[in-house]
Structure formats: structure tokens, C-alpha cells
Amino acid sequence: FIDQEVSYDVLGNNCEHFVTSLRYGKAVS
């Protein structure tokens, strides 16, 4: 994902969602 543009939504797809999806395979915030 480095240097990629991704969709962002503060409630549905934020920085916490992103990193938890990397660690667990599930996006949670």
C-alpha cells in the first residue's frame, strides 16, 4: 500500500480501520 491513494471516511474507513485490517485481516475502529 505504500504511496497508494485509498478511500477515506472518518467513521467507516479511517486510519484505525486501515491498520487493523493489516494486522488482523479485519477492519475495526
mmCIF file of all heavy atoms, coordinates in Angstrom:
data_MODEL
# 
_entry.id   MODEL 
# 
loop_
_atom_site.group_PDB 
_atom_site.id 
_atom_site.type_symbol 
_atom_site.label_atom_id 
_atom_site.label_alt_id 
_atom_site.label_comp_id 
_atom_site.label_asym_id 
_atom_site.label_entity_id 
_atom_site.label_seq_id 
_atom_site.pdbx_PDB_ins_code 
_atom_site.Cartn_x 
_atom_site.Cartn_y 
_atom_site.Cartn_z 
_atom_site.occupancy 
_atom_site.B_iso_or_equiv 
_atom_site.pdbx_formal_charge 
_atom_site.auth_seq_id 
_atom_site.auth_comp_id 
_atom_site.auth_asym_id 
_atom_site.auth_atom_id 
_atom_site.pdbx_PDB_model_num 
ATOM 1   N N   . PHE A 1 1  ? 0.794   -1.235  0.000  1.00 0.00 ? 1  PHE A N   1 
ATOM 2   C CA  . PHE A 1 1  ? 0.000   0.000   0.000  1.00 0.00 ? 1  PHE A CA  1 
ATOM 3   C C   . PHE A 1 1  ? 0.825   1.285   0.000  1.00 0.00 ? 1  PHE A C   1 
ATOM 4   O O   . PHE A 1 1  ? 0.272   2.361   -0.214 1.00 0.00 ? 1  PHE A O   1 
ATOM 5   C CB  . PHE A 1 1  ? -0.931  0.024   1.220  1.00 0.00 ? 1  PHE A CB  1 
ATOM 6   C CG  . PHE A 1 1  ? -2.119  -0.872  1.098  1.00 0.00 ? 1  PHE A CG  1 
ATOM 7   C CD1 . PHE A 1 1  ? -2.132  -2.105  1.734  1.00 0.00 ? 1  PHE A CD1 1 
ATOM 8   C CD2 . PHE A 1 1  ? -3.214  -0.493  0.342  1.00 0.00 ? 1  PHE A CD2 1 
ATOM 9   C CE1 . PHE A 1 1  ? -3.228  -2.946  1.629  1.00 0.00 ? 1  PHE A CE1 1 
ATOM 10  C CE2 . PHE A 1 1  ? -4.317  -1.318  0.228  1.00 0.00 ? 1  PHE A CE2 1 
ATOM 11  C CZ  . PHE A 1 1  ? -4.321  -2.553  0.875  1.00 0.00 ? 1  PHE A CZ  1 
ATOM 12  N N   . ILE A 1 2  ? 2.125   1.195   0.249  1.00 0.00 ? 2  ILE A N   1 
ATOM 13  C CA  . ILE A 1 2  ? 2.947   2.410   0.378  1.00 0.00 ? 2  ILE A CA  1 
ATOM 14  C C   . ILE A 1 2  ? 2.799   3.287   -0.860 1.00 0.00 ? 2  ILE A C   1 
ATOM 15  O O   . ILE A 1 2  ? 2.886   2.816   -1.992 1.00 0.00 ? 2  ILE A O   1 
ATOM 16  C CB  . ILE A 1 2  ? 4.426   2.041   0.637  1.00 0.00 ? 2  ILE A CB  1 
ATOM 17  C CG1 . ILE A 1 2  ? 4.549   1.351   2.008  1.00 0.00 ? 2  ILE A CG1 1 
ATOM 18  C CG2 . ILE A 1 2  ? 5.310   3.289   0.580  1.00 0.00 ? 2  ILE A CG2 1 
ATOM 19  C CD1 . ILE A 1 2  ? 5.917   0.775   2.295  1.00 0.00 ? 2  ILE A CD1 1 
ATOM 20  N N   . ASP A 1 3  ? 2.541   4.563   -0.618 1.00 0.00 ? 3  ASP A N   1 
ATOM 21  C CA  . ASP A 1 3  ? 2.367   5.609   -1.637 1.00 0.00 ? 3  ASP A CA  1 
ATOM 22  C C   . ASP A 1 3  ? 1.100   5.450   -2.473 1.00 0.00 ? 3  ASP A C   1 
ATOM 23  O O   . ASP A 1 3  ? 0.951   6.121   -3.491 1.00 0.00 ? 3  ASP A O   1 
ATOM 24  C CB  . ASP A 1 3  ? 3.590   5.711   -2.563 1.00 0.00 ? 3  ASP A CB  1 
ATOM 25  C CG  . ASP A 1 3  ? 4.809   6.236   -1.833 1.00 0.00 ? 3  ASP A CG  1 
ATOM 26  O OD1 . ASP A 1 3  ? 4.643   7.071   -0.912 1.00 0.00 ? 3  ASP A OD1 1 
ATOM 27  O OD2 . ASP A 1 3  ? 5.931   5.808   -2.168 1.00 0.00 ? 3  ASP A OD2 1 
ATOM 28  N N   . GLN A 1 4  ? 0.181   4.617   -2.034 1.00 0.00 ? 4  GLN A N   1 
ATOM 29  C CA  . GLN A 1 4  ? -1.087  4.449   -2.738 1.00 0.00 ? 4  GLN A CA  1 
ATOM 30  C C   . GLN A 1 4  ? -2.119  5.434   -2.198 1.00 0.00 ? 4  GLN A C   1 
ATOM 31  O O   . GLN A 1 4  ? -2.102  5.784   -1.025 1.00 0.00 ? 4  GLN A O   1 
ATOM 32  C CB  . GLN A 1 4  ? -1.622  3.023   -2.562 1.00 0.00 ? 4  GLN A CB  1 
ATOM 33  C CG  . GLN A 1 4  ? -0.727  1.945   -3.111 1.00 0.00 ? 4  GLN A CG  1 
ATOM 34  C CD  . GLN A 1 4  ? -0.593  2.021   -4.609 1.00 0.00 ? 4  GLN A CD  1 
ATOM 35  O OE1 . GLN A 1 4  ? -1.580  2.159   -5.322 1.00 0.00 ? 4  GLN A OE1 1 
ATOM 36  N NE2 . GLN A 1 4  ? 0.639   1.970   -5.086 1.00 0.00 ? 4  GLN A NE2 1 
ATOM 37  N N   . GLU A 1 5  ? -3.027  5.841   -3.056 1.00 0.00 ? 5  GLU A N   1 
ATOM 38  C CA  . GLU A 1 5  ? -4.165  6.637   -2.638 1.00 0.00 ? 5  GLU A CA  1 
ATOM 39  C C   . GLU A 1 5  ? -5.294  5.665   -2.334 1.00 0.00 ? 5  GLU A C   1 
ATOM 40  O O   . GLU A 1 5  ? -5.552  4.744   -3.111 1.00 0.00 ? 5  GLU A O   1 
ATOM 41  C CB  . GLU A 1 5  ? -4.576  7.601   -3.753 1.00 0.00 ? 5  GLU A CB  1 
ATOM 42  C CG  . GLU A 1 5  ? -5.627  8.587   -3.341 1.00 0.00 ? 5  GLU A CG  1 
ATOM 43  C CD  . GLU A 1 5  ? -5.918  9.585   -4.438 1.00 0.00 ? 5  GLU A CD  1 
ATOM 44  O OE1 . GLU A 1 5  ? -5.057  10.448  -4.709 1.00 0.00 ? 5  GLU A OE1 1 
ATOM 45  O OE2 . GLU A 1 5  ? -7.016  9.495   -5.028 1.00 0.00 ? 5  GLU A OE2 1 
ATOM 46  N N   . VAL A 1 6  ? -5.938  5.845   -1.188 1.00 0.00 ? 6  VAL A N   1 
ATOM 47  C CA  . VAL A 1 6  ? -7.028  4.962   -0.778 1.00 0.00 ? 6  VAL A CA  1 
ATOM 48  C C   . VAL A 1 6  ? -8.241  5.803   -0.390 1.00 0.00 ? 6  VAL A C   1 
ATOM 49  O O   . VAL A 1 6  ? -8.121  6.984   -0.093 1.00 0.00 ? 6  VAL A O   1 
ATOM 50  C CB  . VAL A 1 6  ? -6.608  4.048   0.410  1.00 0.00 ? 6  VAL A CB  1 
ATOM 51  C CG1 . VAL A 1 6  ? -5.498  3.095   0.001  1.00 0.00 ? 6  VAL A CG1 1 
ATOM 52  C CG2 . VAL A 1 6  ? -6.188  4.868   1.617  1.00 0.00 ? 6  VAL A CG2 1 
ATOM 53  N N   . SER A 1 7  ? -9.406  5.170   -0.393 1.00 0.00 ? 7  SER A N   1 
ATOM 54  C CA  . SER A 1 7  ? -10.598 5.892   0.053  1.00 0.00 ? 7  SER A CA  1 
ATOM 55  C C   . SER A 1 7  ? -10.514 6.085   1.565  1.00 0.00 ? 7  SER A C   1 
ATOM 56  O O   . SER A 1 7  ? -9.892  5.294   2.272  1.00 0.00 ? 7  SER A O   1 
ATOM 57  C CB  . SER A 1 7  ? -11.869 5.151   -0.346 1.00 0.00 ? 7  SER A CB  1 
ATOM 58  O OG  . SER A 1 7  ? -11.921 3.901   0.294  1.00 0.00 ? 7  SER A OG  1 
ATOM 59  N N   . TYR A 1 8  ? -11.142 7.158   2.042  1.00 0.00 ? 8  TYR A N   1 
ATOM 60  C CA  . TYR A 1 8  ? -11.080 7.511   3.463  1.00 0.00 ? 8  TYR A CA  1 
ATOM 61  C C   . TYR A 1 8  ? -12.440 8.016   3.907  1.00 0.00 ? 8  TYR A C   1 
ATOM 62  O O   . TYR A 1 8  ? -13.107 8.747   3.187  1.00 0.00 ? 8  TYR A O   1 
ATOM 63  C CB  . TYR A 1 8  ? -10.025 8.609   3.685  1.00 0.00 ? 8  TYR A CB  1 
ATOM 64  C CG  . TYR A 1 8  ? -9.876  9.021   5.125  1.00 0.00 ? 8  TYR A CG  1 
ATOM 65  C CD1 . TYR A 1 8  ? -9.011  8.346   5.975  1.00 0.00 ? 8  TYR A CD1 1 
ATOM 66  C CD2 . TYR A 1 8  ? -10.620 10.071  5.651  1.00 0.00 ? 8  TYR A CD2 1 
ATOM 67  C CE1 . TYR A 1 8  ? -8.876  8.715   7.306  1.00 0.00 ? 8  TYR A CE1 1 
ATOM 68  C CE2 . TYR A 1 8  ? -10.492 10.443  6.983  1.00 0.00 ? 8  TYR A CE2 1 
ATOM 69  C CZ  . TYR A 1 8  ? -9.621  9.762   7.798  1.00 0.00 ? 8  TYR A CZ  1 
ATOM 70  O OH  . TYR A 1 8  ? -9.501  10.122  9.109  1.00 0.00 ? 8  TYR A OH  1 
ATOM 71  N N   . ASP A 1 9  ? -12.830 7.583   5.074  1.00 0.00 ? 9  ASP A N   1 
ATOM 72  C CA  . ASP A 1 9  ? -14.070 8.041   5.703  1.00 0.00 ? 9  ASP A CA  1 
ATOM 73  C C   . ASP A 1 9  ? -13.818 7.979   7.202  1.00 0.00 ? 9  ASP A C   1 
ATOM 74  O O   . ASP A 1 9  ? -13.496 6.914   7.732  1.00 0.00 ? 9  ASP A O   1 
ATOM 75  C CB  . ASP A 1 9  ? -15.223 7.124   5.299  1.00 0.00 ? 9  ASP A CB  1 
ATOM 76  C CG  . ASP A 1 9  ? -16.550 7.511   5.926  1.00 0.00 ? 9  ASP A CG  1 
ATOM 77  O OD1 . ASP A 1 9  ? -16.557 8.051   7.052  1.00 0.00 ? 9  ASP A OD1 1 
ATOM 78  O OD2 . ASP A 1 9  ? -17.580 7.249   5.308  1.00 0.00 ? 9  ASP A OD2 1 
ATOM 79  N N   . VAL A 1 10 ? -13.944 9.088   7.878  1.00 0.00 ? 10 VAL A N   1 
ATOM 80  C CA  . VAL A 1 10 ? -13.591 9.157   9.293  1.00 0.00 ? 10 VAL A CA  1 
ATOM 81  C C   . VAL A 1 10 ? -14.361 8.140   10.141 1.00 0.00 ? 10 VAL A C   1 
ATOM 82  O O   . VAL A 1 10 ? -13.832 7.627   11.119 1.00 0.00 ? 10 VAL A O   1 
ATOM 83  C CB  . VAL A 1 10 ? -13.727 10.601  9.838  1.00 0.00 ? 10 VAL A CB  1 
ATOM 84  C CG1 . VAL A 1 10 ? -15.170 10.994  10.017 1.00 0.00 ? 10 VAL A CG1 1 
ATOM 85  C CG2 . VAL A 1 10 ? -12.942 10.778  11.125 1.00 0.00 ? 10 VAL A CG2 1 
ATOM 86  N N   . LEU A 1 11 ? -15.586 7.793   9.743  1.00 0.00 ? 11 LEU A N   1 
ATOM 87  C CA  . LEU A 1 11 ? -16.369 6.821   10.515 1.00 0.00 ? 11 LEU A CA  1 
ATOM 88  C C   . LEU A 1 11 ? -16.323 5.407   9.951  1.00 0.00 ? 11 LEU A C   1 
ATOM 89  O O   . LEU A 1 11 ? -16.505 4.453   10.691 1.00 0.00 ? 11 LEU A O   1 
ATOM 90  C CB  . LEU A 1 11 ? -17.834 7.278   10.627 1.00 0.00 ? 11 LEU A CB  1 
ATOM 91  C CG  . LEU A 1 11 ? -18.065 8.559   11.405 1.00 0.00 ? 11 LEU A CG  1 
ATOM 92  C CD1 . LEU A 1 11 ? -19.538 8.932   11.379 1.00 0.00 ? 11 LEU A CD1 1 
ATOM 93  C CD2 . LEU A 1 11 ? -17.560 8.445   12.835 1.00 0.00 ? 11 LEU A CD2 1 
ATOM 94  N N   . GLY A 1 12 ? -16.095 5.264   8.658  1.00 0.00 ? 12 GLY A N   1 
ATOM 95  C CA  . GLY A 1 12 ? -16.191 3.940   8.062  1.00 0.00 ? 12 GLY A CA  1 
ATOM 96  C C   . GLY A 1 12 ? -14.909 3.356   7.494  1.00 0.00 ? 12 GLY A C   1 
ATOM 97  O O   . GLY A 1 12 ? -14.838 2.150   7.251  1.00 0.00 ? 12 GLY A O   1 
ATOM 98  N N   . ASN A 1 13 ? -13.880 4.187   7.300  1.00 0.00 ? 13 ASN A N   1 
ATOM 99  C CA  . ASN A 1 13 ? -12.647 3.694   6.693  1.00 0.00 ? 13 ASN A CA  1 
ATOM 100 C C   . ASN A 1 13 ? -11.504 4.648   7.051  1.00 0.00 ? 13 ASN A C   1 
ATOM 101 O O   . ASN A 1 13 ? -10.976 5.341   6.193  1.00 0.00 ? 13 ASN A O   1 
ATOM 102 C CB  . ASN A 1 13 ? -12.821 3.577   5.177  1.00 0.00 ? 13 ASN A CB  1 
ATOM 103 C CG  . ASN A 1 13 ? -11.718 2.787   4.525  1.00 0.00 ? 13 ASN A CG  1 
ATOM 104 O OD1 . ASN A 1 13 ? -11.100 1.927   5.139  1.00 0.00 ? 13 ASN A OD1 1 
ATOM 105 N ND2 . ASN A 1 13 ? -11.457 3.082   3.264  1.00 0.00 ? 13 ASN A ND2 1 
ATOM 106 N N   . ASN A 1 14 ? -11.152 4.670   8.326  1.00 0.00 ? 14 ASN A N   1 
ATOM 107 C CA  . ASN A 1 14 ? -10.151 5.622   8.799  1.00 0.00 ? 14 ASN A CA  1 
ATOM 108 C C   . ASN A 1 14 ? -8.806  4.941   9.050  1.00 0.00 ? 14 ASN A C   1 
ATOM 109 O O   . ASN A 1 14 ? -8.600  3.789   8.695  1.00 0.00 ? 14 ASN A O   1 
ATOM 110 C CB  . ASN A 1 14 ? -10.662 6.351   10.054 1.00 0.00 ? 14 ASN A CB  1 
ATOM 111 C CG  . ASN A 1 14 ? -10.906 5.412   11.221 1.00 0.00 ? 14 ASN A CG  1 
ATOM 112 O OD1 . ASN A 1 14 ? -10.204 4.427   11.426 1.00 0.00 ? 14 ASN A OD1 1 
ATOM 113 N ND2 . ASN A 1 14 ? -11.917 5.719   12.014 1.00 0.00 ? 14 ASN A ND2 1 
ATOM 114 N N   . CYS A 1 15 ? -7.880  5.658   9.689  1.00 0.00 ? 15 CYS A N   1 
ATOM 115 C CA  . CYS A 1 15 ? -6.531  5.130   9.932  1.00 0.00 ? 15 CYS A CA  1 
ATOM 116 C C   . CYS A 1 15 ? -6.547  3.883   10.812 1.00 0.00 ? 15 CYS A C   1 
ATOM 117 O O   . CYS A 1 15 ? -5.756  2.964   10.602 1.00 0.00 ? 15 CYS A O   1 
ATOM 118 C CB  . CYS A 1 15 ? -5.635  6.213   10.533 1.00 0.00 ? 15 CYS A CB  1 
ATOM 119 S SG  . CYS A 1 15 ? -6.222  6.915   12.094 1.00 0.00 ? 15 CYS A SG  1 
ATOM 120 N N   . GLU A 1 16 ? -7.452  3.832   11.777 1.00 0.00 ? 16 GLU A N   1 
ATOM 121 C CA  . GLU A 1 16 ? -7.546  2.647   12.640 1.00 0.00 ? 16 GLU A CA  1 
ATOM 122 C C   . GLU A 1 16 ? -8.091  1.458   11.857 1.00 0.00 ? 16 GLU A C   1 
ATOM 123 O O   . GLU A 1 16 ? -7.585  0.337   11.994 1.00 0.00 ? 16 GLU A O   1 
ATOM 124 C CB  . GLU A 1 16 ? -8.425  2.944   13.853 1.00 0.00 ? 16 GLU A CB  1 
ATOM 125 C CG  . GLU A 1 16 ? -8.411  1.839   14.888 1.00 0.00 ? 16 GLU A CG  1 
ATOM 126 C CD  . GLU A 1 16 ? -9.220  2.172   16.137 1.00 0.00 ? 16 GLU A CD  1 
ATOM 127 O OE1 . GLU A 1 16 ? -9.863  3.246   16.198 1.00 0.00 ? 16 GLU A OE1 1 
ATOM 128 O OE2 . GLU A 1 16 ? -9.226  1.339   17.050 1.00 0.00 ? 16 GLU A OE2 1 
ATOM 129 N N   . HIS A 1 17 ? -9.098  1.669   11.027 1.00 0.00 ? 17 HIS A N   1 
ATOM 130 C CA  . HIS A 1 17 ? -9.604  0.594   10.164 1.00 0.00 ? 17 HIS A CA  1 
ATOM 131 C C   . HIS A 1 17 ? -8.465  0.036   9.299  1.00 0.00 ? 17 HIS A C   1 
ATOM 132 O O   . HIS A 1 17 ? -8.334  -1.169  9.127  1.00 0.00 ? 17 HIS A O   1 
ATOM 133 C CB  . HIS A 1 17 ? -10.717 1.099   9.242  1.00 0.00 ? 17 HIS A CB  1 
ATOM 134 C CG  . HIS A 1 17 ? -12.001 1.392   9.921  1.00 0.00 ? 17 HIS A CG  1 
ATOM 135 N ND1 . HIS A 1 17 ? -12.451 2.677   10.115 1.00 0.00 ? 17 HIS A ND1 1 
ATOM 136 C CD2 . HIS A 1 17 ? -12.952 0.574   10.440 1.00 0.00 ? 17 HIS A CD2 1 
ATOM 137 C CE1 . HIS A 1 17 ? -13.634 2.638   10.724 1.00 0.00 ? 17 HIS A CE1 1 
ATOM 138 N NE2 . HIS A 1 17 ? -13.954 1.382   10.936 1.00 0.00 ? 17 HIS A NE2 1 
ATOM 139 N N   . PHE A 1 18 ? -7.664  0.943   8.739  1.00 0.00 ? 18 PHE A N   1 
ATOM 140 C CA  . PHE A 1 18 ? -6.593  0.535   7.831  1.00 0.00 ? 18 PHE A CA  1 
ATOM 141 C C   . PHE A 1 18 ? -5.590  -0.389  8.525  1.00 0.00 ? 18 PHE A C   1 
ATOM 142 O O   . PHE A 1 18 ? -5.287  -1.467  8.032  1.00 0.00 ? 18 PHE A O   1 
ATOM 143 C CB  . PHE A 1 18 ? -5.887  1.771   7.256  1.00 0.00 ? 18 PHE A CB  1 
ATOM 144 C CG  . PHE A 1 18 ? -4.723  1.435   6.371  1.00 0.00 ? 18 PHE A CG  1 
ATOM 145 C CD1 . PHE A 1 18 ? -4.922  0.911   5.100  1.00 0.00 ? 18 PHE A CD1 1 
ATOM 146 C CD2 . PHE A 1 18 ? -3.427  1.632   6.810  1.00 0.00 ? 18 PHE A CD2 1 
ATOM 147 C CE1 . PHE A 1 18 ? -3.847  0.587   4.283  1.00 0.00 ? 18 PHE A CE1 1 
ATOM 148 C CE2 . PHE A 1 18 ? -2.344  1.319   6.000  1.00 0.00 ? 18 PHE A CE2 1 
ATOM 149 C CZ  . PHE A 1 18 ? -2.557  0.797   4.736  1.00 0.00 ? 18 PHE A CZ  1 
ATOM 150 N N   . VAL A 1 19 ? -5.075  0.032   9.681  1.00 0.00 ? 19 VAL A N   1 
ATOM 151 C CA  . VAL A 1 19 ? -4.023  -0.768  10.315 1.00 0.00 ? 19 VAL A CA  1 
ATOM 152 C C   . VAL A 1 19 ? -4.563  -2.051  10.944 1.00 0.00 ? 19 VAL A C   1 
ATOM 153 O O   . VAL A 1 19 ? -3.861  -3.067  10.962 1.00 0.00 ? 19 VAL A O   1 
ATOM 154 C CB  . VAL A 1 19 ? -3.188  0.056   11.327 1.00 0.00 ? 19 VAL A CB  1 
ATOM 155 C CG1 . VAL A 1 19 ? -2.461  1.187   10.602 1.00 0.00 ? 19 VAL A CG1 1 
ATOM 156 C CG2 . VAL A 1 19 ? -4.009  0.580   12.479 1.00 0.00 ? 19 VAL A CG2 1 
ATOM 157 N N   . THR A 1 20 ? -5.802  -2.034  11.434 1.00 0.00 ? 20 THR A N   1 
ATOM 158 C CA  . THR A 1 20 ? -6.354  -3.286  11.972 1.00 0.00 ? 20 THR A CA  1 
ATOM 159 C C   . THR A 1 20 ? -6.617  -4.284  10.850 1.00 0.00 ? 20 THR A C   1 
ATOM 160 O O   . THR A 1 20 ? -6.462  -5.491  11.045 1.00 0.00 ? 20 THR A O   1 
ATOM 161 C CB  . THR A 1 20 ? -7.636  -3.055  12.809 1.00 0.00 ? 20 THR A CB  1 
ATOM 162 O OG1 . THR A 1 20 ? -8.612  -2.380  12.014 1.00 0.00 ? 20 THR A OG1 1 
ATOM 163 C CG2 . THR A 1 20 ? -7.335  -2.258  14.081 1.00 0.00 ? 20 THR A CG2 1 
ATOM 164 N N   . SER A 1 21 ? -6.957  -3.792  9.667  1.00 0.00 ? 21 SER A N   1 
ATOM 165 C CA  . SER A 1 21 ? -7.133  -4.722  8.541  1.00 0.00 ? 21 SER A CA  1 
ATOM 166 C C   . SER A 1 21 ? -5.805  -5.362  8.165  1.00 0.00 ? 21 SER A C   1 
ATOM 167 O O   . SER A 1 21 ? -5.775  -6.525  7.781  1.00 0.00 ? 21 SER A O   1 
ATOM 168 C CB  . SER A 1 21 ? -7.762  -4.017  7.336  1.00 0.00 ? 21 SER A CB  1 
ATOM 169 O OG  . SER A 1 21 ? -6.850  -3.133  6.731  1.00 0.00 ? 21 SER A OG  1 
ATOM 170 N N   . LEU A 1 22 ? -4.714  -4.623  8.297  1.00 0.00 ? 22 LEU A N   1 
ATOM 171 C CA  . LEU A 1 22 ? -3.396  -5.195  8.012  1.00 0.00 ? 22 LEU A CA  1 
ATOM 172 C C   . LEU A 1 22 ? -3.006  -6.239  9.063  1.00 0.00 ? 22 LEU A C   1 
ATOM 173 O O   . LEU A 1 22 ? -2.489  -7.301  8.724  1.00 0.00 ? 22 LEU A O   1 
ATOM 174 C CB  . LEU A 1 22 ? -2.329  -4.098  7.972  1.00 0.00 ? 22 LEU A CB  1 
ATOM 175 C CG  . LEU A 1 22 ? -2.440  -3.085  6.843  1.00 0.00 ? 22 LEU A CG  1 
ATOM 176 C CD1 . LEU A 1 22 ? -1.400  -1.982  7.021  1.00 0.00 ? 22 LEU A CD1 1 
ATOM 177 C CD2 . LEU A 1 22 ? -2.293  -3.759  5.486  1.00 0.00 ? 22 LEU A CD2 1 
ATOM 178 N N   . ARG A 1 23 ? -3.242  -5.951  10.331 1.00 0.00 ? 23 ARG A N   1 
ATOM 179 C CA  . ARG A 1 23 ? -2.823  -6.859  11.410 1.00 0.00 ? 23 ARG A CA  1 
ATOM 180 C C   . ARG A 1 23 ? -3.728  -8.084  11.532 1.00 0.00 ? 23 ARG A C   1 
ATOM 181 O O   . ARG A 1 23 ? -3.245  -9.194  11.739 1.00 0.00 ? 23 ARG A O   1 
ATOM 182 C CB  . ARG A 1 23 ? -2.774  -6.117  12.742 1.00 0.00 ? 23 ARG A CB  1 
ATOM 183 C CG  . ARG A 1 23 ? -2.293  -7.005  13.900 1.00 0.00 ? 23 ARG A CG  1 
ATOM 184 C CD  . ARG A 1 23 ? -2.046  -6.207  15.162 1.00 0.00 ? 23 ARG A CD  1 
ATOM 185 N NE  . ARG A 1 23 ? -1.705  -7.070  16.267 1.00 0.00 ? 23 ARG A NE  1 
ATOM 186 C CZ  . ARG A 1 23 ? -0.487  -7.531  16.538 1.00 0.00 ? 23 ARG A CZ  1 
ATOM 187 N NH1 . ARG A 1 23 ? 0.530   -7.202  15.751 1.00 0.00 ? 23 ARG A NH1 1 
ATOM 188 N NH2 . ARG A 1 23 ? -0.258  -8.313  17.569 1.00 0.00 ? 23 ARG A NH2 1 
ATOM 189 N N   . TYR A 1 24 ? -5.036  -7.875  11.425 1.00 0.00 ? 24 TYR A N   1 
ATOM 190 C CA  . TYR A 1 24 ? -5.981  -8.964  11.703 1.00 0.00 ? 24 TYR A CA  1 
ATOM 191 C C   . TYR A 1 24 ? -6.709  -9.492  10.471 1.00 0.00 ? 24 TYR A C   1 
ATOM 192 O O   . TYR A 1 24 ? -7.401  -10.505 10.555 1.00 0.00 ? 24 TYR A O   1 
ATOM 193 C CB  . TYR A 1 24 ? -7.045  -8.496  12.709 1.00 0.00 ? 24 TYR A CB  1 
ATOM 194 C CG  . TYR A 1 24 ? -6.470  -7.959  13.985 1.00 0.00 ? 24 TYR A CG  1 
ATOM 195 C CD1 . TYR A 1 24 ? -6.548  -6.600  14.287 1.00 0.00 ? 24 TYR A CD1 1 
ATOM 196 C CD2 . TYR A 1 24 ? -5.835  -8.797  14.903 1.00 0.00 ? 24 TYR A CD2 1 
ATOM 197 C CE1 . TYR A 1 24 ? -6.024  -6.097  15.459 1.00 0.00 ? 24 TYR A CE1 1 
ATOM 198 C CE2 . TYR A 1 24 ? -5.297  -8.292  16.079 1.00 0.00 ? 24 TYR A CE2 1 
ATOM 199 C CZ  . TYR A 1 24 ? -5.394  -6.933  16.348 1.00 0.00 ? 24 TYR A CZ  1 
ATOM 200 O OH  . TYR A 1 24 ? -4.860  -6.442  17.507 1.00 0.00 ? 24 TYR A OH  1 
ATOM 201 N N   . GLY A 1 25 ? -6.637  -8.758  9.364  1.00 0.00 ? 25 GLY A N   1 
ATOM 202 C CA  . GLY A 1 25 ? -7.439  -9.133  8.203  1.00 0.00 ? 25 GLY A CA  1 
ATOM 203 C C   . GLY A 1 25 ? -8.885  -8.686  8.347  1.00 0.00 ? 25 GLY A C   1 
ATOM 204 O O   . GLY A 1 25 ? -9.742  -9.058  7.563  1.00 0.00 ? 25 GLY A O   1 
ATOM 205 N N   . LYS A 1 26 ? -9.155  -7.879  9.367  1.00 0.00 ? 26 LYS A N   1 
ATOM 206 C CA  . LYS A 1 26 ? -10.496 -7.352  9.638  1.00 0.00 ? 26 LYS A CA  1 
ATOM 207 C C   . LYS A 1 26 ? -10.354 -5.893  10.050 1.00 0.00 ? 26 LYS A C   1 
ATOM 208 O O   . LYS A 1 26 ? -9.600  -5.575  10.960 1.00 0.00 ? 26 LYS A O   1 
ATOM 209 C CB  . LYS A 1 26 ? -11.162 -8.159  10.744 1.00 0.00 ? 26 LYS A CB  1 
ATOM 210 C CG  . LYS A 1 26 ? -12.533 -7.620  11.112 1.00 0.00 ? 26 LYS A CG  1 
ATOM 211 C CD  . LYS A 1 26 ? -13.352 -8.639  11.854 1.00 0.00 ? 26 LYS A CD  1 
ATOM 212 C CE  . LYS A 1 26 ? -14.699 -8.121  12.236 1.00 0.00 ? 26 LYS A CE  1 
ATOM 213 N NZ  . LYS A 1 26 ? -15.551 -7.732  11.139 1.00 0.00 ? 26 LYS A NZ  1 
ATOM 214 N N   . ALA A 1 27 ? -11.091 -5.016  9.376  1.00 0.00 ? 27 ALA A N   1 
ATOM 215 C CA  . ALA A 1 27 ? -11.030 -3.582  9.668  1.00 0.00 ? 27 ALA A CA  1 
ATOM 216 C C   . ALA A 1 27 ? -11.986 -3.240  10.805 1.00 0.00 ? 27 ALA A C   1 
ATOM 217 O O   . ALA A 1 27 ? -13.193 -3.403  10.666 1.00 0.00 ? 27 ALA A O   1 
ATOM 218 C CB  . ALA A 1 27 ? -11.388 -2.780  8.421  1.00 0.00 ? 27 ALA A CB  1 
ATOM 219 N N   . VAL A 1 28 ? -11.440 -2.788  11.925 1.00 0.00 ? 28 VAL A N   1 
ATOM 220 C CA  . VAL A 1 28 ? -12.253 -2.372  13.071 1.00 0.00 ? 28 VAL A CA  1 
ATOM 221 C C   . VAL A 1 28 ? -11.717 -1.045  13.613 1.00 0.00 ? 28 VAL A C   1 
ATOM 222 O O   . VAL A 1 28 ? -10.543 -0.756  13.508 1.00 0.00 ? 28 VAL A O   1 
ATOM 223 C CB  . VAL A 1 28 ? -12.275 -3.442  14.194 1.00 0.00 ? 28 VAL A CB  1 
ATOM 224 C CG1 . VAL A 1 28 ? -13.007 -4.688  13.753 1.00 0.00 ? 28 VAL A CG1 1 
ATOM 225 C CG2 . VAL A 1 28 ? -10.875 -3.811  14.648 1.00 0.00 ? 28 VAL A CG2 1 
ATOM 226 N N   . SER A 1 29 ? -12.621 -0.265  14.214 1.00 0.00 ? 29 SER A N   1 
ATOM 227 C CA  . SER A 1 29 ? -12.219 1.002   14.811 1.00 0.00 ? 29 SER A CA  1 
ATOM 228 C C   . SER A 1 29 ? -13.110 1.296   16.012 1.00 0.00 ? 29 SER A C   1 
ATOM 229 O O   . SER A 1 29 ? -14.270 1.679   15.853 1.00 0.00 ? 29 SER A O   1 
ATOM 230 C CB  . SER A 1 29 ? -12.325 2.150   13.799 1.00 0.00 ? 29 SER A CB  1 
ATOM 231 O OG  . SER A 1 29 ? -12.066 3.386   14.442 1.00 0.00 ? 29 SER A OG  1 
# 
